[in-house]
Amino acid sequence: MKKNLLFLFLLLPFLSFAHENKAFWGETGHRVVGHIAEQYLTKKAKKAVKRILGTESIAMASTWADFMKSDSLTNAQTTAWHYVNIPDGQTYAQMQKNPKGDVLEAIDRLVKDLENKEVSLEKKRFALRFLIHLIGDLHQPMHVGRAEDSGGNKIKLKWFGRDTNLHRLWDSDLIDHQNLSYTEFSQAINSPSKEQIKLWQSTNHYAWAEESSVLAQNIYKSVKENDNLSFRYAYDFNETLKMRLLQGGVRLAAVLNKTFK
């Protein structure tokens, strides 16, 4: 009996750690975007980022905006920043804007805070962490999904027999299916051509939202409520997933290079 109790006592920290990790599934994609962005920063941008974040890497800073959701007051003020719902057949310019803001409006405002020399270091750190995160969100197509189903959150599915939804499928399930760490995933996909980099960085975040909107429409067509998805779906959308993560990283670097020029 004593041996069993001792075993459980020694095992408890590992069980707690496993539970905590489960709570944070879905962060890999953001860290992939952040890690890739680090490879394309100018010297000026690297110096500015280090001055603001200190020893925290862009990859690790990329998940802060989700971790701080435990702060109910800040979360209530920033929830709408993570997405934008562009109605079918409309552009962002044509649509009625959310009075609480959206991912595009937030990106504009955060960049201004980072460019403003009068803004405090604490506020700049908040702005930079959020900006890093939101550029990643913008490249996940379901963050530009339909308002009526909360970007696919209300579309129930099964992933290898496990309950999920369309938004979670793209936030985490497809990425976790790769079974790679964020550094391994980054290295596996980080080989864009010079032409691709130039093309991807030539547009702005409003164009990136339109790209995600088009992709979201195709994703909606790819499933039906309660579909049980597995290997075939992962295969069909593998290249789209990798492309959006890579584009997110390359473009995040462009935003930071321009902000800290």
C-alpha atoms as a PDB file:
ATOM      1  CA  MET A   1       0.000   0.000   0.000  1.00  0.00           C
ATOM      2  CA  LYS A   2       2.798   2.407   0.937  1.00  0.00           C
ATOM      3  CA  LYS A   3       4.612   1.582  -2.302  1.00  0.00           C
ATOM      4  CA  ASN A   4       1.467   2.382  -4.321  1.00  0.00           C
ATOM      5  CA  LEU A   5       0.997   5.713  -2.546  1.00  0.00           C
ATOM      6  CA  LEU A   6       4.631   6.614  -3.131  1.00  0.00           C
ATOM      7  CA  PHE A   7       4.288   5.765  -6.833  1.00  0.00           C
ATOM      8  CA  LEU A   8       1.200   7.966  -7.168  1.00  0.00           C
ATOM      9  CA  PHE A   9       2.930  10.810  -5.342  1.00  0.00           C
ATOM     10  CA  LEU A  10       5.912  10.643  -7.694  1.00  0.00           C
ATOM     11  CA  LEU A  11       3.634  10.385 -10.736  1.00  0.00           C
ATOM     12  CA  LEU A  12       1.423  13.373  -9.817  1.00  0.00           C
ATOM     13  CA  PRO A  13       3.690  16.120 -11.234  1.00  0.00           C
ATOM     14  CA  PHE A  14       3.823  14.306 -14.581  1.00  0.00           C
ATOM     15  CA  LEU A  15       0.040  13.913 -14.675  1.00  0.00           C
ATOM     16  CA  SER A  16      -0.358  17.624 -13.938  1.00  0.00           C
ATOM     17  CA  PHE A  17       2.096  18.496 -16.677  1.00  0.00           C
ATOM     18  CA  ALA A  18       0.205  16.355 -19.190  1.00  0.00           C
ATOM     19  CA  HIS A  19      -3.049  18.093 -18.255  1.00  0.00           C
ATOM     20  CA  GLU A  20      -1.488  21.533 -18.697  1.00  0.00           C
ATOM     21  CA  ASN A  21      -0.107  20.592 -22.102  1.00  0.00           C
ATOM     22  CA  LYS A  22      -3.518  19.409 -23.234  1.00  0.00           C
ATOM     23  CA  ALA A  23      -4.981  22.789 -22.287  1.00  0.00           C
ATOM     24  CA  PHE A  24      -2.526  24.502 -24.575  1.00  0.00           C
ATOM     25  CA  TRP A  25      -2.920  22.427 -27.746  1.00  0.00           C
ATOM     26  CA  GLY A  26      -3.227  24.689 -30.732  1.00  0.00           C
ATOM     27  CA  GLU A  27      -0.329  26.951 -29.820  1.00  0.00           C
ATOM     28  CA  THR A  28       2.056  25.140 -32.165  1.00  0.00           C
ATOM     29  CA  GLY A  29       0.784  26.992 -35.224  1.00  0.00           C
ATOM     30  CA  HIS A  30       1.424  30.408 -33.686  1.00  0.00           C
ATOM     31  CA  ARG A  31       4.917  29.383 -32.668  1.00  0.00           C
ATOM     32  CA  VAL A  32       5.641  28.091 -36.173  1.00  0.00           C
ATOM     33  CA  VAL A  33       4.667  31.512 -37.578  1.00  0.00           C
ATOM     34  CA  GLY A  34       6.767  33.302 -34.966  1.00  0.00           C
ATOM     35  CA  HIS A  35       9.800  31.064 -35.431  1.00  0.00           C
ATOM     36  CA  ILE A  36       9.740  31.527 -39.205  1.00  0.00           C
ATOM     37  CA  ALA A  37       9.390  35.301 -38.845  1.00  0.00           C
ATOM     38  CA  GLU A  38      12.572  35.391 -36.753  1.00  0.00           C
ATOM     39  CA  GLN A  39      14.541  34.118 -39.746  1.00  0.00           C
ATOM     40  CA  TYR A  40      13.580  37.102 -41.953  1.00  0.00           C
ATOM     41  CA  LEU A  41      14.033  40.084 -39.647  1.00  0.00           C
ATOM     42  CA  THR A  42      16.392  42.926 -40.461  1.00  0.00           C
ATOM     43  CA  LYS A  43      19.096  43.845 -37.928  1.00  0.00           C
ATOM     44  CA  LYS A  44      17.105  46.933 -36.912  1.00  0.00           C
ATOM     45  CA  ALA A  45      13.948  44.913 -36.366  1.00  0.00           C
ATOM     46  CA  LYS A  46      15.804  42.258 -34.342  1.00  0.00           C
ATOM     47  CA  LYS A  47      17.275  44.950 -32.114  1.00  0.00           C
ATOM     48  CA  ALA A  48      13.900  46.639 -31.600  1.00  0.00           C
ATOM     49  CA  VAL A  49      12.137  43.357 -30.846  1.00  0.00           C
ATOM     50  CA  LYS A  50      14.800  42.411 -28.294  1.00  0.00           C
ATOM     51  CA  ARG A  51      14.535  45.819 -26.642  1.00  0.00           C
ATOM     52  CA  ILE A  52      10.782  45.296 -26.188  1.00  0.00           C
ATOM     53  CA  LEU A  53      10.574  41.561 -25.465  1.00  0.00           C
ATOM     54  CA  GLY A  54      13.904  41.059 -23.705  1.00  0.00           C
ATOM     55  CA  THR A  55      14.847  37.380 -23.682  1.00  0.00           C
ATOM     56  CA  GLU A  56      11.401  36.271 -24.898  1.00  0.00           C
ATOM     57  CA  SER A  57      11.496  34.990 -28.479  1.00  0.00           C
ATOM     58  CA  ILE A  58       8.894  35.911 -31.077  1.00  0.00           C
ATOM     59  CA  ALA A  59       7.825  32.258 -31.138  1.00  0.00           C
ATOM     60  CA  MET A  60       7.101  32.232 -27.408  1.00  0.00           C
ATOM     61  CA  ALA A  61       5.554  35.713 -27.436  1.00  0.00           C
ATOM     62  CA  SER A  62       3.132  34.538 -30.135  1.00  0.00           C
ATOM     63  CA  THR A  63       0.972  32.635 -27.637  1.00  0.00           C
ATOM     64  CA  TRP A  64       0.732  35.329 -24.949  1.00  0.00           C
ATOM     65  CA  ALA A  65      -2.494  36.797 -26.358  1.00  0.00           C
ATOM     66  CA  ASP A  66      -4.207  33.452 -25.735  1.00  0.00           C
ATOM     67  CA  PHE A  67      -2.620  32.814 -22.335  1.00  0.00           C
ATOM     68  CA  MET A  68      -3.778  36.177 -21.002  1.00  0.00           C
ATOM     69  CA  LYS A  69      -7.423  35.227 -21.633  1.00  0.00           C
ATOM     70  CA  SER A  70      -7.477  34.232 -17.959  1.00  0.00           C
ATOM     71  CA  ASP A  71      -7.567  37.984 -17.279  1.00  0.00           C
ATOM     72  CA  SER A  72     -11.313  38.387 -17.757  1.00  0.00           C
ATOM     73  CA  LEU A  73     -11.287  42.203 -18.046  1.00  0.00           C
ATOM     74  CA  THR A  74      -8.565  42.358 -20.716  1.00  0.00           C
ATOM     75  CA  ASN A  75     -10.042  39.363 -22.508  1.00  0.00           C
ATOM     76  CA  ALA A  76     -13.458  41.027 -22.717  1.00  0.00           C
ATOM     77  CA  GLN A  77     -11.832  44.073 -24.315  1.00  0.00           C
ATOM     78  CA  THR A  78      -9.739  42.124 -26.821  1.00  0.00           C
ATOM     79  CA  THR A  79     -11.797  39.057 -27.812  1.00  0.00           C
ATOM     80  CA  ALA A  80     -13.032  40.660 -31.042  1.00  0.00           C
ATOM     81  CA  TRP A  81      -9.459  41.425 -32.122  1.00  0.00           C
ATOM     82  CA  HIS A  82      -8.750  37.802 -33.046  1.00  0.00           C
ATOM     83  CA  TYR A  83     -11.046  37.573 -36.068  1.00  0.00           C
ATOM     84  CA  VAL A  84     -13.102  39.366 -38.689  1.00  0.00           C
ATOM     85  CA  ASN A  85     -16.323  38.043 -40.250  1.00  0.00           C
ATOM     86  CA  ILE A  86     -16.496  39.157 -43.884  1.00  0.00           C
ATOM     87  CA  PRO A  87     -19.959  38.271 -45.286  1.00  0.00           C
ATOM     88  CA  ASP A  88     -20.082  36.245 -48.513  1.00  0.00           C
ATOM     89  CA  GLY A  89     -20.030  38.524 -51.552  1.00  0.00           C
ATOM     90  CA  GLN A  90     -18.622  41.515 -49.636  1.00  0.00           C
ATOM     91  CA  THR A  91     -15.190  42.975 -49.056  1.00  0.00           C
ATOM     92  CA  TYR A  92     -13.945  44.321 -45.758  1.00  0.00           C
ATOM     93  CA  ALA A  93     -14.460  47.880 -47.030  1.00  0.00           C
ATOM     94  CA  GLN A  94     -18.118  47.127 -47.809  1.00  0.00           C
ATOM     95  CA  MET A  95     -19.053  45.251 -44.628  1.00  0.00           C
ATOM     96  CA  GLN A  96     -20.515  46.712 -41.451  1.00  0.00           C
ATOM     97  CA  LYS A  97     -17.722  46.927 -38.885  1.00  0.00           C
ATOM     98  CA  ASN A  98     -17.815  45.431 -35.395  1.00  0.00           C
ATOM     99  CA  PRO A  99     -17.888  48.338 -32.878  1.00  0.00           C
ATOM    100  CA  LYS A 100     -15.645  46.242 -30.598  1.00  0.00           C
ATOM    101  CA  GLY A 101     -12.990  46.078 -33.306  1.00  0.00           C
ATOM    102  CA  ASP A 102     -11.578  43.229 -35.373  1.00  0.00           C
ATOM    103  CA  VAL A 103      -8.247  41.738 -36.346  1.00  0.00           C
ATOM    104  CA  LEU A 104      -7.576  44.263 -39.125  1.00  0.00           C
ATOM    105  CA  GLU A 105      -8.465  47.332 -37.093  1.00  0.00           C
ATOM    106  CA  ALA A 106      -6.412  45.974 -34.180  1.00  0.00           C
ATOM    107  CA  ILE A 107      -3.332  45.392 -36.364  1.00  0.00           C
ATOM    108  CA  ASP A 108      -3.461  49.005 -37.591  1.00  0.00           C
ATOM    109  CA  ARG A 109      -3.735  50.328 -34.048  1.00  0.00           C
ATOM    110  CA  LEU A 110      -1.012  48.105 -32.598  1.00  0.00           C
ATOM    111  CA  VAL A 111       1.444  49.103 -35.336  1.00  0.00           C
ATOM    112  CA  LYS A 112       0.804  52.770 -34.541  1.00  0.00           C
ATOM    113  CA  ASP A 113       1.559  52.123 -30.863  1.00  0.00           C
ATOM    114  CA  LEU A 114       4.842  50.443 -31.776  1.00  0.00           C
ATOM    115  CA  GLU A 115       5.836  53.322 -34.073  1.00  0.00           C
ATOM    116  CA  ASN A 116       4.968  55.977 -31.481  1.00  0.00           C
ATOM    117  CA  LYS A 117       8.080  57.016 -29.511  1.00  0.00           C
ATOM    118  CA  GLU A 118       5.907  58.406 -26.706  1.00  0.00           C
ATOM    119  CA  VAL A 119       4.325  55.020 -25.904  1.00  0.00           C
ATOM    120  CA  SER A 120       5.703  53.284 -22.781  1.00  0.00           C
ATOM    121  CA  LEU A 121       7.778  50.105 -22.968  1.00  0.00           C
ATOM    122  CA  GLU A 122       5.021  48.187 -21.162  1.00  0.00           C
ATOM    123  CA  LYS A 123       2.418  49.251 -23.705  1.00  0.00           C
ATOM    124  CA  LYS A 124       4.785  48.456 -26.573  1.00  0.00           C
ATOM    125  CA  ARG A 125       5.317  44.972 -25.168  1.00  0.00           C
ATOM    126  CA  PHE A 126       1.560  44.447 -25.045  1.00  0.00           C
ATOM    127  CA  ALA A 127       1.234  45.746 -28.624  1.00  0.00           C
ATOM    128  CA  LEU A 128       4.054  43.618 -30.004  1.00  0.00           C
ATOM    129  CA  ARG A 129       2.860  40.407 -28.375  1.00  0.00           C
ATOM    130  CA  PHE A 130      -0.643  40.962 -29.682  1.00  0.00           C
ATOM    131  CA  LEU A 131       0.543  41.972 -33.164  1.00  0.00           C
ATOM    132  CA  ILE A 132       2.609  38.797 -33.475  1.00  0.00           C
ATOM    133  CA  HIS A 133      -0.393  36.709 -32.475  1.00  0.00           C
ATOM    134  CA  LEU A 134      -2.919  38.478 -34.699  1.00  0.00           C
ATOM    135  CA  ILE A 135      -0.837  38.140 -37.867  1.00  0.00           C
ATOM    136  CA  GLY A 136      -0.930  34.397 -37.189  1.00  0.00           C
ATOM    137  CA  ASP A 137      -4.690  34.448 -36.566  1.00  0.00           C
ATOM    138  CA  LEU A 138      -5.265  36.310 -39.816  1.00  0.00           C
ATOM    139  CA  HIS A 139      -3.653  33.488 -41.809  1.00  0.00           C
ATOM    140  CA  GLN A 140      -5.885  30.821 -40.232  1.00  0.00           C
ATOM    141  CA  PRO A 141      -8.842  30.843 -42.669  1.00  0.00           C
ATOM    142  CA  MET A 142     -11.534  30.200 -40.067  1.00  0.00           C
ATOM    143  CA  HIS A 143     -10.606  33.427 -38.267  1.00  0.00           C
ATOM    144  CA  VAL A 144     -12.181  35.072 -41.319  1.00  0.00           C
ATOM    145  CA  GLY A 145     -15.153  32.709 -41.333  1.00  0.00           C
ATOM    146  CA  ARG A 146     -18.878  33.328 -41.008  1.00  0.00           C
ATOM    147  CA  ALA A 147     -20.368  35.202 -38.077  1.00  0.00           C
ATOM    148  CA  GLU A 148     -23.423  32.917 -37.889  1.00  0.00           C
ATOM    149  CA  ASP A 149     -21.352  29.838 -36.974  1.00  0.00           C
ATOM    150  CA  SER A 150     -18.601  31.707 -35.074  1.00  0.00           C
ATOM    151  CA  GLY A 151     -15.947  30.937 -37.658  1.00  0.00           C
ATOM    152  CA  GLY A 152     -16.803  27.235 -37.770  1.00  0.00           C
ATOM    153  CA  ASN A 153     -16.969  26.754 -33.992  1.00  0.00           C
ATOM    154  CA  LYS A 154     -20.619  25.694 -34.216  1.00  0.00           C
ATOM    155  CA  ILE A 155     -20.008  23.138 -36.976  1.00  0.00           C
ATOM    156  CA  LYS A 156     -19.543  19.892 -35.043  1.00  0.00           C
ATOM    157  CA  LEU A 157     -17.258  17.245 -36.516  1.00  0.00           C
ATOM    158  CA  LYS A 158     -15.255  14.224 -35.535  1.00  0.00           C
ATOM    159  CA  TRP A 159     -11.517  13.988 -36.076  1.00  0.00           C
ATOM    160  CA  PHE A 160     -10.393  10.341 -36.069  1.00  0.00           C
ATOM    161  CA  GLY A 161     -13.549   9.621 -34.048  1.00  0.00           C
ATOM    162  CA  ARG A 162     -12.944  12.366 -31.483  1.00  0.00           C
ATOM    163  CA  ASP A 163     -15.366  15.299 -31.063  1.00  0.00           C
ATOM    164  CA  THR A 164     -14.138  18.566 -32.544  1.00  0.00           C
ATOM    165  CA  ASN A 165     -15.437  21.445 -34.661  1.00  0.00           C
ATOM    166  CA  LEU A 166     -14.396  23.083 -37.902  1.00  0.00           C
ATOM    167  CA  HIS A 167     -12.584  25.963 -36.229  1.00  0.00           C
ATOM    168  CA  ARG A 168     -10.634  23.733 -33.845  1.00  0.00           C
ATOM    169  CA  LEU A 169      -9.798  21.438 -36.751  1.00  0.00           C
ATOM    170  CA  TRP A 170      -7.872  24.285 -38.374  1.00  0.00           C
ATOM    171  CA  ASP A 171      -6.595  25.858 -35.174  1.00  0.00           C
ATOM    172  CA  SER A 172      -5.000  22.702 -33.838  1.00  0.00           C
ATOM    173  CA  ASP A 173      -6.136  19.272 -35.067  1.00  0.00           C
ATOM    174  CA  LEU A 174      -4.508  19.452 -38.504  1.00  0.00           C
ATOM    175  CA  ILE A 175      -1.306  20.872 -37.007  1.00  0.00           C
ATOM    176  CA  ASP A 176      -1.133  18.352 -34.176  1.00  0.00           C
ATOM    177  CA  HIS A 177      -1.615  15.595 -36.764  1.00  0.00           C
ATOM    178  CA  GLN A 178       1.860  16.470 -38.104  1.00  0.00           C
ATOM    179  CA  ASN A 179       3.304  15.261 -34.778  1.00  0.00           C
ATOM    180  CA  LEU A 180       6.123  17.817 -34.953  1.00  0.00           C
ATOM    181  CA  SER A 181       7.431  20.414 -32.533  1.00  0.00           C
ATOM    182  CA  TYR A 182       7.136  24.009 -33.692  1.00  0.00           C
ATOM    183  CA  THR A 183      10.851  24.131 -34.525  1.00  0.00           C
ATOM    184  CA  GLU A 184      10.659  20.881 -36.519  1.00  0.00           C
ATOM    185  CA  PHE A 185       7.550  22.075 -38.370  1.00  0.00           C
ATOM    186  CA  SER A 186       9.168  25.451 -39.115  1.00  0.00           C
ATOM    187  CA  GLN A 187      12.293  23.831 -40.531  1.00  0.00           C
ATOM    188  CA  ALA A 188      10.222  21.449 -42.641  1.00  0.00           C
ATOM    189  CA  ILE A 189       8.285  24.191 -44.452  1.00  0.00           C
ATOM    190  CA  ASN A 190      10.642  27.167 -44.378  1.00  0.00           C
ATOM    191  CA  SER A 191      11.998  27.064 -47.919  1.00  0.00           C
ATOM    192  CA  PRO A 192      10.172  29.748 -49.918  1.00  0.00           C
ATOM    193  CA  SER A 193      11.723  31.069 -53.100  1.00  0.00           C
ATOM    194  CA  LYS A 194      12.863  34.692 -53.360  1.00  0.00           C
ATOM    195  CA  GLU A 195       9.996  35.295 -55.760  1.00  0.00           C
ATOM    196  CA  GLN A 196       7.466  33.940 -53.267  1.00  0.00           C
ATOM    197  CA  ILE A 197       8.842  36.092 -50.456  1.00  0.00           C
ATOM    198  CA  LYS A 198       8.697  39.197 -52.624  1.00  0.00           C
ATOM    199  CA  LEU A 199       5.141  38.435 -53.767  1.00  0.00           C
ATOM    200  CA  TRP A 200       3.801  37.585 -50.307  1.00  0.00           C
ATOM    201  CA  GLN A 201       5.323  40.674 -48.736  1.00  0.00           C
ATOM    202  CA  SER A 202       4.083  42.989 -51.494  1.00  0.00           C
ATOM    203  CA  THR A 203       0.489  42.986 -50.153  1.00  0.00           C
ATOM    204  CA  ASN A 204      -0.954  44.148 -46.831  1.00  0.00           C
ATOM    205  CA  HIS A 205      -3.070  42.584 -44.081  1.00  0.00           C
ATOM    206  CA  TYR A 206      -6.317  43.609 -45.791  1.00  0.00           C
ATOM    207  CA  ALA A 207      -5.362  41.459 -48.788  1.00  0.00           C
ATOM    208  CA  TRP A 208      -4.352  38.616 -46.442  1.00  0.00           C
ATOM    209  CA  ALA A 209      -7.833  38.714 -44.913  1.00  0.00           C
ATOM    210  CA  GLU A 210      -9.392  38.426 -48.378  1.00  0.00           C
ATOM    211  CA  GLU A 211      -7.178  35.391 -49.053  1.00  0.00           C
ATOM    212  CA  SER A 212      -8.360  33.740 -45.844  1.00  0.00           C
ATOM    213  CA  SER A 213     -11.963  34.566 -46.689  1.00  0.00           C
ATOM    214  CA  VAL A 214     -11.698  32.755 -50.037  1.00  0.00           C
ATOM    215  CA  LEU A 215     -10.017  29.768 -48.387  1.00  0.00           C
ATOM    216  CA  ALA A 216     -12.685  29.698 -45.668  1.00  0.00           C
ATOM    217  CA  GLN A 217     -15.436  29.430 -48.274  1.00  0.00           C
ATOM    218  CA  ASN A 218     -13.726  26.376 -49.767  1.00  0.00           C
ATOM    219  CA  ILE A 219     -13.231  24.852 -46.324  1.00  0.00           C
ATOM    220  CA  TYR A 220     -16.936  25.252 -45.522  1.00  0.00           C
ATOM    221  CA  LYS A 221     -17.735  23.336 -48.720  1.00  0.00           C
ATOM    222  CA  SER A 222     -15.351  20.530 -47.750  1.00  0.00           C
ATOM    223  CA  VAL A 223     -17.372  19.276 -44.773  1.00  0.00           C
ATOM    224  CA  LYS A 224     -20.864  18.470 -43.570  1.00  0.00           C
ATOM    225  CA  GLU A 225     -22.087  18.583 -39.971  1.00  0.00           C
ATOM    226  CA  ASN A 226     -20.952  15.480 -38.014  1.00  0.00           C
ATOM    227  CA  ASP A 227     -18.516  14.294 -40.686  1.00  0.00           C
ATOM    228  CA  ASN A 228     -15.889  11.908 -39.323  1.00  0.00           C
ATOM    229  CA  LEU A 229     -12.646  13.177 -40.832  1.00  0.00           C
ATOM    230  CA  SER A 230      -9.232  11.551 -40.837  1.00  0.00           C
ATOM    231  CA  PHE A 231      -6.268  10.880 -43.124  1.00  0.00           C
ATOM    232  CA  ARG A 232      -7.958  11.889 -46.384  1.00  0.00           C
ATOM    233  CA  TYR A 233      -8.878  15.348 -45.122  1.00  0.00           C
ATOM    234  CA  ALA A 234      -5.387  15.885 -43.726  1.00  0.00           C
ATOM    235  CA  TYR A 235      -3.913  14.911 -47.102  1.00  0.00           C
ATOM    236  CA  ASP A 236      -6.277  17.147 -49.094  1.00  0.00           C
ATOM    237  CA  PHE A 237      -5.486  20.268 -47.048  1.00  0.00           C
ATOM    238  CA  ASN A 238      -1.874  19.615 -46.065  1.00  0.00           C
ATOM    239  CA  GLU A 239      -0.384  22.022 -48.605  1.00  0.00           C
ATOM    240  CA  THR A 240      -2.897  24.778 -47.767  1.00  0.00           C
ATOM    241  CA  LEU A 241      -2.076  24.443 -44.074  1.00  0.00           C
ATOM    242  CA  LYS A 242       1.668  24.628 -44.649  1.00  0.00           C
ATOM    243  CA  MET A 243       1.351  27.539 -47.059  1.00  0.00           C
ATOM    244  CA  ARG A 244      -0.680  29.669 -44.645  1.00  0.00           C
ATOM    245  CA  LEU A 245       1.756  29.053 -41.792  1.00  0.00           C
ATOM    246  CA  LEU A 246       4.721  29.903 -44.013  1.00  0.00           C
ATOM    247  CA  GLN A 247       3.052  33.001 -45.442  1.00  0.00           C
ATOM    248  CA  GLY A 248       2.140  34.105 -41.930  1.00  0.00           C
ATOM    249  CA  GLY A 249       5.764  33.928 -40.805  1.00  0.00           C
ATOM    250  CA  VAL A 250       7.232  35.644 -43.859  1.00  0.00           C
ATOM    251  CA  ARG A 251       4.630  38.386 -43.684  1.00  0.00           C
ATOM    252  CA  LEU A 252       4.965  38.898 -39.938  1.00  0.00           C
ATOM    253  CA  ALA A 253       8.647  39.581 -40.548  1.00  0.00           C
ATOM    254  CA  ALA A 254       7.703  42.137 -43.215  1.00  0.00           C
ATOM    255  CA  VAL A 255       5.354  43.948 -40.826  1.00  0.00           C
ATOM    256  CA  LEU A 256       8.001  44.077 -38.108  1.00  0.00           C
ATOM    257  CA  ASN A 257      10.737  45.171 -40.544  1.00  0.00           C
ATOM    258  CA  LYS A 258       8.541  48.024 -41.785  1.00  0.00           C
ATOM    259  CA  THR A 259       7.449  49.008 -38.268  1.00  0.00           C
ATOM    260  CA  PHE A 260      11.010  49.152 -36.953  1.00  0.00           C
ATOM    261  CA  LYS A 261      12.768  50.490 -40.042  1.00  0.00           C
END
